[in-house]
């Protein structure tokens, strides 16, 4: 972990593309289905939003760019190129800057991979989500396994680094099912995997089905068994878990997401994007049309900005950092917020949970153990002083 002043650490830039071909039933992200998108207008608006953030952070270094969504592989490669070029003009960029783009594994989007790579994208994250056609249908995905694996092969030809997502602990999925699916996934040779347990998020179609009793519940003990098995299998394959749901080879962790989890400054542009810069939180307008109107009127899409109190910054740093295997440097959080360590975490709760093997502490570095990761939300509620 770097320990330089916050204003000298590299920025992370998030660019939100809000459009999808269809809305998945488990998804609570800011994604929207539209019959058509004016690509030229969106390029101009995103560039204007970017210019506003650049004016607020002069002289900084940029460490990563992440195109998220939505489905940013639906964005024209020329838009990605224009944004990457503009960012490189506003800030110094780190050598080998990580530039990630999320993509759905359809053949139509995979056909753009060569042009996206030429635009400067060097890492792609594919939403495979499952390696079983029935599971993909249940998850509302538009691709089947064959199409998804074809897109993965194309991605591996064009990008130096590839991640893909899988969702497990699905209703009816047995331990043997997940073991076989994960073993197959590990055989594709990517350096990073994002492996998420299915969660029922409020406002989604799955939540509505669950409320009516039409979506079977997964037994928590069975889900815990799958979680532990996942960690064992990925570690044995050389992709140990470095964050609660993310697994990577050494040096292939997501630099961009590490900036979030280590609570470094990040900028967010596009509809609904959030940012944290120099102690201030920013939020863009969420609905695409409202965001466009705000950019047209003001030159940026910001809906609100708020100075974050030291207590809020400390709490956010702990909630994010304890997701990581490396844990949190309490001394750094104390320096950056001006709070005492014992005002950030409850020493009694730390001692009690350490006695149960759920938390570890070496000096001022606090970590959640592998056993504790199963109870992370409860541990955070007990340890972090909000």
Foldseek 3Di string as FASTA:
>chain_A
DDQDPQLADAAEEEEEDAEACDDWQQDPFLHDHDPDDPLVLVLVLQLLQVVVVLVVNAAYEHQEYEYYYHACLVHQLVSLLVVVVSVVVSYPYDVPRAYEGEHELAPVSLVCLQSNVVSPHAEYEYAPAFQQQVVCVVRVHPDHNVSNVVSVVSNVVRHPAYEYEYEDLAPPQALVNLVVGVVVVLVVDGFKYFYHYRDRDPPGNVVVCVVVVNGDDRDLVRVVVSQVVNQVVLVVSQFHDFFSGMTGHPPRPDPNLVCQLQVHWYHYAAAQTWTADPQKIWGFHHDRVQQSVCCVVPSHRTPDMGRHALLRSLLSNQLRQQRGQQAYQLVSSCVVSVDDSCQFWPVVLQVVVVVVVQWDDDPRGIYGDPVNSSVVVVSSVHTGND
